[in-house]
Amino acid sequence: MTPKRIQFFIALVFFILGGWAAFFPQHVIDTTFLPEYREGGRILPFAVACFGAQALLSGLFAAFSRFSSLTFLVYGIALLPFFGFNYYFTFHDPVFTSIGLLDAVGNVIMLALCYVGWKNAKRQKQERTYDIRG
């Protein structure tokens, strides 16, 4: 799988989850937040929709940038704190339902894609270097 295709799969995670939050914020609230956190007036749907819009923007960057092996590596490392966030607000101080773990699933998918992208981008760079020198 080419690094560019891997980027599109990373973007797809952002598009799916971000689109859900941006276009259906109340559904996200009703399914991922525990009942005691579903009431927040107008600000909660607004905040969830903003979160979704930011995710869509991140998806665009992931889809249309040129990732190097270093980009995949740094992106993967940057995902790690989100696992702490998911754990803390699902198990330690629960705010999210088990469906809220869809975010963690998306992060696992992106982390795996970052690893594959890192390996493939390094291999492609080595092949290009060999072709130039060979």
N, C-alpha and C. Protein backbone atom coordinates (compact mmCIF):
# COMPACT_ATOMS: atom_id res chain seq x y z
N MET A 1 0.86 -1.18 0.00
CA MET A 1 0.00 0.00 0.00
C MET A 1 0.90 1.24 0.00
N THR A 2 0.59 2.16 -0.86
CA THR A 2 1.41 3.37 -0.97
C THR A 2 1.15 4.31 0.19
N PRO A 3 2.15 5.13 0.53
CA PRO A 3 1.93 6.12 1.60
C PRO A 3 0.73 7.04 1.31
N LYS A 4 0.53 7.40 0.06
CA LYS A 4 -0.60 8.28 -0.28
C LYS A 4 -1.93 7.61 0.03
N ARG A 5 -2.05 6.33 -0.29
CA ARG A 5 -3.28 5.60 0.01
C ARG A 5 -3.49 5.50 1.52
N ILE A 6 -2.41 5.29 2.25
CA ILE A 6 -2.49 5.22 3.71
C ILE A 6 -2.98 6.54 4.27
N GLN A 7 -2.49 7.64 3.72
CA GLN A 7 -2.97 8.96 4.14
C GLN A 7 -4.48 9.09 3.95
N PHE A 8 -4.98 8.59 2.83
CA PHE A 8 -6.42 8.69 2.57
C PHE A 8 -7.21 7.86 3.58
N PHE A 9 -6.67 6.72 4.01
CA PHE A 9 -7.36 5.93 5.03
C PHE A 9 -7.34 6.65 6.38
N ILE A 10 -6.24 7.33 6.70
CA ILE A 10 -6.19 8.15 7.91
C ILE A 10 -7.24 9.25 7.81
N ALA A 11 -7.29 9.90 6.66
CA ALA A 11 -8.28 10.96 6.44
C ALA A 11 -9.70 10.43 6.57
N LEU A 12 -9.92 9.21 6.10
CA LEU A 12 -11.25 8.61 6.16
C LEU A 12 -11.75 8.50 7.61
N VAL A 13 -10.87 8.15 8.53
CA VAL A 13 -11.26 8.09 9.94
C VAL A 13 -11.74 9.47 10.40
N PHE A 14 -11.00 10.50 10.05
CA PHE A 14 -11.40 11.87 10.40
C PHE A 14 -12.72 12.25 9.73
N PHE A 15 -12.88 11.89 8.47
CA PHE A 15 -14.10 12.24 7.74
C PHE A 15 -15.33 11.56 8.32
N ILE A 16 -15.19 10.29 8.69
CA ILE A 16 -16.33 9.55 9.22
C ILE A 16 -16.72 10.08 10.61
N LEU A 17 -15.76 10.07 11.53
CA LEU A 17 -16.09 10.50 12.90
C LEU A 17 -16.32 12.01 12.98
N GLY A 18 -15.52 12.76 12.25
CA GLY A 18 -15.69 14.22 12.26
C GLY A 18 -16.98 14.64 11.58
N GLY A 19 -17.32 13.97 10.49
CA GLY A 19 -18.58 14.27 9.81
C GLY A 19 -19.78 13.97 10.68
N TRP A 20 -19.70 12.86 11.39
CA TRP A 20 -20.77 12.50 12.33
C TRP A 20 -20.95 13.60 13.37
N ALA A 21 -19.85 14.06 13.94
CA ALA A 21 -19.93 15.10 14.97
C ALA A 21 -20.35 16.45 14.39
N ALA A 22 -19.86 16.78 13.21
CA ALA A 22 -20.17 18.09 12.62
C ALA A 22 -21.62 18.19 12.16
N PHE A 23 -22.14 17.11 11.56
CA PHE A 23 -23.46 17.18 10.96
C PHE A 23 -24.58 16.61 11.83
N PHE A 24 -24.21 15.79 12.80
CA PHE A 24 -25.21 15.19 13.70
C PHE A 24 -24.75 15.29 15.16
N PRO A 25 -24.46 16.50 15.63
CA PRO A 25 -23.90 16.63 16.99
C PRO A 25 -24.82 16.08 18.08
N GLN A 26 -26.12 16.26 17.93
CA GLN A 26 -27.01 15.76 18.97
C GLN A 26 -27.01 14.24 19.02
N HIS A 27 -26.89 13.59 17.88
CA HIS A 27 -26.81 12.14 17.87
C HIS A 27 -25.52 11.67 18.56
N VAL A 28 -24.41 12.36 18.30
CA VAL A 28 -23.16 12.03 18.98
C VAL A 28 -23.32 12.18 20.48
N ILE A 29 -23.94 13.26 20.91
CA ILE A 29 -24.16 13.51 22.34
C ILE A 29 -25.02 12.41 22.94
N ASP A 30 -26.11 12.08 22.26
CA ASP A 30 -27.06 11.09 22.79
C ASP A 30 -26.48 9.68 22.87
N THR A 31 -25.53 9.37 22.00
CA THR A 31 -25.00 8.01 21.98
C THR A 31 -23.65 7.85 22.67
N THR A 32 -22.89 8.93 22.81
CA THR A 32 -21.54 8.77 23.36
C THR A 32 -21.35 9.37 24.74
N PHE A 33 -22.24 10.25 25.16
CA PHE A 33 -22.13 10.88 26.48
C PHE A 33 -23.06 10.17 27.46
N LEU A 34 -22.60 10.00 28.69
CA LEU A 34 -23.47 9.48 29.73
C LEU A 34 -24.63 10.45 29.95
N PRO A 35 -25.79 9.97 30.40
CA PRO A 35 -26.98 10.84 30.52
C PRO A 35 -26.74 12.13 31.31
N GLU A 36 -25.97 12.06 32.37
CA GLU A 36 -25.77 13.26 33.19
C GLU A 36 -24.93 14.34 32.50
N TYR A 37 -24.33 14.01 31.36
CA TYR A 37 -23.52 14.99 30.63
C TYR A 37 -24.18 15.42 29.32
N ARG A 38 -25.40 14.99 29.08
CA ARG A 38 -26.08 15.32 27.83
C ARG A 38 -26.77 16.67 27.86
N GLU A 39 -26.94 17.22 29.03
CA GLU A 39 -27.60 18.52 29.16
C GLU A 39 -26.55 19.62 29.26
N GLY A 40 -26.57 20.50 28.35
CA GLY A 40 -25.62 21.61 28.40
C GLY A 40 -26.16 22.80 27.65
N GLY A 41 -27.47 22.79 27.42
CA GLY A 41 -28.06 23.88 26.66
C GLY A 41 -27.58 23.82 25.22
N ARG A 42 -27.46 24.98 24.64
CA ARG A 42 -27.07 25.07 23.24
C ARG A 42 -25.56 24.91 23.04
N ILE A 43 -24.80 25.08 24.11
CA ILE A 43 -23.34 25.07 23.96
C ILE A 43 -22.80 23.67 23.64
N LEU A 44 -23.41 22.63 24.17
CA LEU A 44 -22.88 21.28 23.96
C LEU A 44 -22.96 20.86 22.49
N PRO A 45 -24.12 20.98 21.82
CA PRO A 45 -24.13 20.64 20.38
C PRO A 45 -23.18 21.52 19.57
N PHE A 46 -23.09 22.78 19.96
CA PHE A 46 -22.17 23.70 19.29
C PHE A 46 -20.72 23.21 19.43
N ALA A 47 -20.32 22.84 20.65
CA ALA A 47 -18.95 22.37 20.90
C ALA A 47 -18.67 21.07 20.15
N VAL A 48 -19.61 20.15 20.15
CA VAL A 48 -19.42 18.87 19.45
C VAL A 48 -19.31 19.12 17.94
N ALA A 49 -20.15 20.00 17.40
CA ALA A 49 -20.08 20.32 15.97
C ALA A 49 -18.74 20.99 15.63
N CYS A 50 -18.25 21.85 16.51
CA CYS A 50 -16.93 22.48 16.28
C CYS A 50 -15.83 21.43 16.30
N PHE A 51 -15.93 20.50 17.23
CA PHE A 51 -14.97 19.40 17.30
C PHE A 51 -14.99 18.62 15.99
N GLY A 52 -16.17 18.35 15.48
CA GLY A 52 -16.29 17.63 14.22
C GLY A 52 -15.72 18.41 13.05
N ALA A 53 -15.96 19.72 13.03
CA ALA A 53 -15.42 20.55 11.96
C ALA A 53 -13.88 20.54 11.99
N GLN A 54 -13.30 20.58 13.19
CA GLN A 54 -11.85 20.50 13.30
C GLN A 54 -11.33 19.15 12.80
N ALA A 55 -12.07 18.08 13.09
CA ALA A 55 -11.68 16.75 12.62
C ALA A 55 -11.75 16.69 11.09
N LEU A 56 -12.77 17.30 10.51
CA LEU A 56 -12.87 17.33 9.04
C LEU A 56 -11.69 18.09 8.44
N LEU A 57 -11.32 19.19 9.07
CA LEU A 57 -10.16 19.95 8.61
C LEU A 57 -8.89 19.11 8.71
N SER A 58 -8.74 18.38 9.80
CA SER A 58 -7.58 17.49 9.95
C SER A 58 -7.58 16.42 8.87
N GLY A 59 -8.76 15.92 8.53
CA GLY A 59 -8.86 14.94 7.45
C GLY A 59 -8.40 15.51 6.11
N LEU A 60 -8.74 16.76 5.86
CA LEU A 60 -8.28 17.38 4.62
C LEU A 60 -6.76 17.49 4.58
N PHE A 61 -6.16 17.88 5.70
CA PHE A 61 -4.70 17.94 5.76
C PHE A 61 -4.09 16.55 5.56
N ALA A 62 -4.67 15.55 6.20
CA ALA A 62 -4.15 14.19 6.06
C ALA A 62 -4.28 13.70 4.61
N ALA A 63 -5.35 14.06 3.96
CA ALA A 63 -5.60 13.58 2.60
C ALA A 63 -4.74 14.28 1.56
N PHE A 64 -4.48 15.57 1.74
CA PHE A 64 -3.87 16.34 0.66
C PHE A 64 -2.47 16.86 0.95
N SER A 65 -1.85 16.42 2.02
CA SER A 65 -0.46 16.76 2.29
C SER A 65 0.43 15.65 1.75
N ARG A 66 1.71 15.89 1.76
CA ARG A 66 2.67 14.86 1.35
C ARG A 66 3.36 14.35 2.61
N PHE A 67 3.03 13.14 3.00
CA PHE A 67 3.60 12.56 4.21
C PHE A 67 4.94 11.88 3.89
N SER A 68 5.92 12.15 4.71
CA SER A 68 7.19 11.43 4.67
C SER A 68 7.16 10.38 5.77
N SER A 69 8.20 9.58 5.85
CA SER A 69 8.26 8.61 6.95
C SER A 69 8.26 9.34 8.29
N LEU A 70 8.92 10.49 8.36
CA LEU A 70 8.94 11.27 9.61
C LEU A 70 7.55 11.78 9.95
N THR A 71 6.77 12.19 8.96
CA THR A 71 5.41 12.65 9.21
C THR A 71 4.56 11.56 9.83
N PHE A 72 4.63 10.35 9.26
CA PHE A 72 3.88 9.23 9.82
C PHE A 72 4.32 8.94 11.25
N LEU A 73 5.63 8.99 11.50
CA LEU A 73 6.15 8.72 12.84
C LEU A 73 5.65 9.75 13.84
N VAL A 74 5.78 11.02 13.51
CA VAL A 74 5.36 12.09 14.42
C VAL A 74 3.85 12.06 14.62
N TYR A 75 3.12 11.81 13.57
CA TYR A 75 1.66 11.73 13.66
C TYR A 75 1.25 10.61 14.60
N GLY A 76 1.91 9.45 14.46
CA GLY A 76 1.63 8.32 15.34
C GLY A 76 1.94 8.64 16.79
N ILE A 77 3.06 9.27 17.04
CA ILE A 77 3.42 9.66 18.41
C ILE A 77 2.41 10.66 18.97
N ALA A 78 1.96 11.59 18.11
CA ALA A 78 1.00 12.61 18.55
C ALA A 78 -0.35 11.99 18.92
N LEU A 79 -0.65 10.81 18.40
CA LEU A 79 -1.92 10.14 18.73
C LEU A 79 -1.92 9.55 20.14
N LEU A 80 -0.77 9.25 20.68
CA LEU A 80 -0.69 8.53 21.95
C LEU A 80 -1.42 9.21 23.11
N PRO A 81 -1.32 10.53 23.30
CA PRO A 81 -2.07 11.14 24.41
C PRO A 81 -3.58 10.96 24.32
N PHE A 82 -4.10 10.77 23.12
CA PHE A 82 -5.53 10.58 22.96
C PHE A 82 -6.01 9.28 23.60
N PHE A 83 -5.13 8.29 23.67
CA PHE A 83 -5.50 7.05 24.34
C PHE A 83 -5.67 7.30 25.84
N GLY A 84 -4.83 8.17 26.40
CA GLY A 84 -5.00 8.56 27.81
C GLY A 84 -6.31 9.27 28.02
N PHE A 85 -6.65 10.17 27.11
CA PHE A 85 -7.92 10.89 27.16
C PHE A 85 -9.09 9.91 27.14
N ASN A 86 -9.05 8.96 26.18
CA ASN A 86 -10.13 7.97 26.06
C ASN A 86 -10.25 7.13 27.32
N TYR A 87 -9.13 6.69 27.85
CA TYR A 87 -9.15 5.87 29.07
C TYR A 87 -9.72 6.67 30.23
N TYR A 88 -9.19 7.87 30.43
CA TYR A 88 -9.57 8.67 31.59
C TYR A 88 -11.07 8.96 31.60
N PHE A 89 -11.59 9.43 30.46
CA PHE A 89 -13.00 9.86 30.43
C PHE A 89 -13.99 8.73 30.11
N THR A 90 -13.47 7.50 29.98
CA THR A 90 -14.36 6.35 29.84
C THR A 90 -14.34 5.49 31.10
N PHE A 91 -13.17 5.36 31.73
CA PHE A 91 -13.05 4.44 32.85
C PHE A 91 -12.74 5.11 34.19
N HIS A 92 -11.87 6.10 34.21
CA HIS A 92 -11.45 6.73 35.46
C HIS A 92 -12.49 7.72 35.97
N ASP A 93 -12.86 8.66 35.14
CA ASP A 93 -13.87 9.68 35.47
C ASP A 93 -14.87 9.70 34.32
N PRO A 94 -15.78 8.71 34.30
CA PRO A 94 -16.61 8.48 33.11
C PRO A 94 -17.47 9.67 32.69
N VAL A 95 -17.31 10.01 31.44
CA VAL A 95 -18.14 10.99 30.75
C VAL A 95 -18.79 10.31 29.54
N PHE A 96 -18.06 9.36 28.96
CA PHE A 96 -18.49 8.70 27.74
C PHE A 96 -19.10 7.33 28.00
N THR A 97 -20.03 6.95 27.14
CA THR A 97 -20.56 5.59 27.12
C THR A 97 -19.53 4.69 26.42
N SER A 98 -19.80 3.42 26.37
CA SER A 98 -18.90 2.52 25.65
C SER A 98 -18.86 2.84 24.16
N ILE A 99 -19.92 3.42 23.64
CA ILE A 99 -19.92 3.83 22.22
C ILE A 99 -18.92 4.97 22.00
N GLY A 100 -18.65 5.73 23.05
CA GLY A 100 -17.65 6.78 22.95
C GLY A 100 -16.27 6.23 22.64
N LEU A 101 -16.07 4.94 22.85
CA LEU A 101 -14.78 4.32 22.53
C LEU A 101 -14.56 4.20 21.02
N LEU A 102 -15.56 4.58 20.22
CA LEU A 102 -15.33 4.64 18.77
C LEU A 102 -14.16 5.57 18.46
N ASP A 103 -13.99 6.60 19.28
CA ASP A 103 -12.85 7.49 19.10
C ASP A 103 -11.55 6.73 19.29
N ALA A 104 -11.49 5.88 20.32
CA ALA A 104 -10.29 5.08 20.56
C ALA A 104 -10.06 4.10 19.41
N VAL A 105 -11.14 3.52 18.89
CA VAL A 105 -11.01 2.61 17.74
C VAL A 105 -10.43 3.37 16.55
N GLY A 106 -10.93 4.55 16.31
CA GLY A 106 -10.38 5.37 15.23
C GLY A 106 -8.91 5.67 15.44
N ASN A 107 -8.53 5.94 16.69
CA ASN A 107 -7.13 6.22 16.99
C ASN A 107 -6.26 4.98 16.80
N VAL A 108 -6.77 3.81 17.16
CA VAL A 108 -6.02 2.56 16.94
C VAL A 108 -5.81 2.35 15.44
N ILE A 109 -6.86 2.57 14.67
CA ILE A 109 -6.75 2.42 13.21
C ILE A 109 -5.70 3.38 12.66
N MET A 110 -5.77 4.65 13.09
CA MET A 110 -4.81 5.63 12.58
C MET A 110 -3.39 5.31 13.03
N LEU A 111 -3.23 4.83 14.28
CA LEU A 111 -1.90 4.47 14.76
C LEU A 111 -1.32 3.32 13.94
N ALA A 112 -2.13 2.32 13.65
CA ALA A 112 -1.68 1.20 12.82
C ALA A 112 -1.32 1.68 11.41
N LEU A 113 -2.14 2.57 10.87
CA LEU A 113 -1.85 3.12 9.55
C LEU A 113 -0.56 3.95 9.56
N CYS A 114 -0.33 4.67 10.64
CA CYS A 114 0.92 5.44 10.75
C CYS A 114 2.13 4.51 10.75
N TYR A 115 2.02 3.39 11.45
CA TYR A 115 3.12 2.43 11.46
C TYR A 115 3.37 1.88 10.05
N VAL A 116 2.32 1.46 9.39
CA VAL A 116 2.46 0.93 8.03
C VAL A 116 2.98 2.02 7.09
N GLY A 117 2.46 3.22 7.22
CA GLY A 117 2.92 4.33 6.39
C GLY A 117 4.38 4.66 6.63
N TRP A 118 4.79 4.64 7.89
CA TRP A 118 6.19 4.90 8.24
C TRP A 118 7.10 3.87 7.58
N LYS A 119 6.74 2.60 7.71
CA LYS A 119 7.55 1.53 7.12
C LYS A 119 7.59 1.66 5.59
N ASN A 120 6.44 1.87 4.99
CA ASN A 120 6.38 1.94 3.52
C ASN A 120 7.09 3.17 2.97
N ALA A 121 6.93 4.31 3.65
CA ALA A 121 7.59 5.53 3.19
C ALA A 121 9.11 5.40 3.31
N LYS A 122 9.59 4.76 4.39
CA LYS A 122 11.03 4.53 4.53
C LYS A 122 11.54 3.62 3.41
N ARG A 123 10.78 2.56 3.13
CA ARG A 123 11.17 1.62 2.07
C ARG A 123 11.21 2.32 0.72
N GLN A 124 10.19 3.13 0.43
CA GLN A 124 10.16 3.84 -0.85
C GLN A 124 11.33 4.81 -0.98
N LYS A 125 11.66 5.49 0.11
CA LYS A 125 12.78 6.43 0.08
C LYS A 125 14.08 5.68 -0.18
N GLN A 126 14.25 4.53 0.46
CA GLN A 126 15.46 3.73 0.23
C GLN A 126 15.52 3.24 -1.21
N GLU A 127 14.39 2.84 -1.76
CA GLU A 127 14.36 2.38 -3.15
C GLU A 127 14.70 3.50 -4.11
N ARG A 128 14.19 4.70 -3.85
CA ARG A 128 14.51 5.85 -4.71
C ARG A 128 15.99 6.18 -4.61
N THR A 129 16.54 6.14 -3.41
CA THR A 129 17.97 6.42 -3.21
C THR A 129 18.81 5.39 -3.96
N TYR A 130 18.40 4.14 -3.86
CA TYR A 130 19.13 3.07 -4.55
C TYR A 130 19.04 3.25 -6.07
N ASP A 131 17.86 3.62 -6.58
CA ASP A 131 17.68 3.81 -8.01
C ASP A 131 18.56 4.93 -8.53
N ILE A 132 18.70 6.01 -7.74
CA ILE A 132 19.51 7.15 -8.17
C ILE A 132 20.98 6.76 -8.17
N ARG A 133 21.41 6.05 -7.15
CA ARG A 133 22.82 5.68 -7.03
C ARG A 133 23.17 4.47 -7.87
N GLY A 134 22.19 3.55 -8.04
CA GLY A 134 22.44 2.28 -8.71
C GLY A 134 22.62 2.44 -10.16
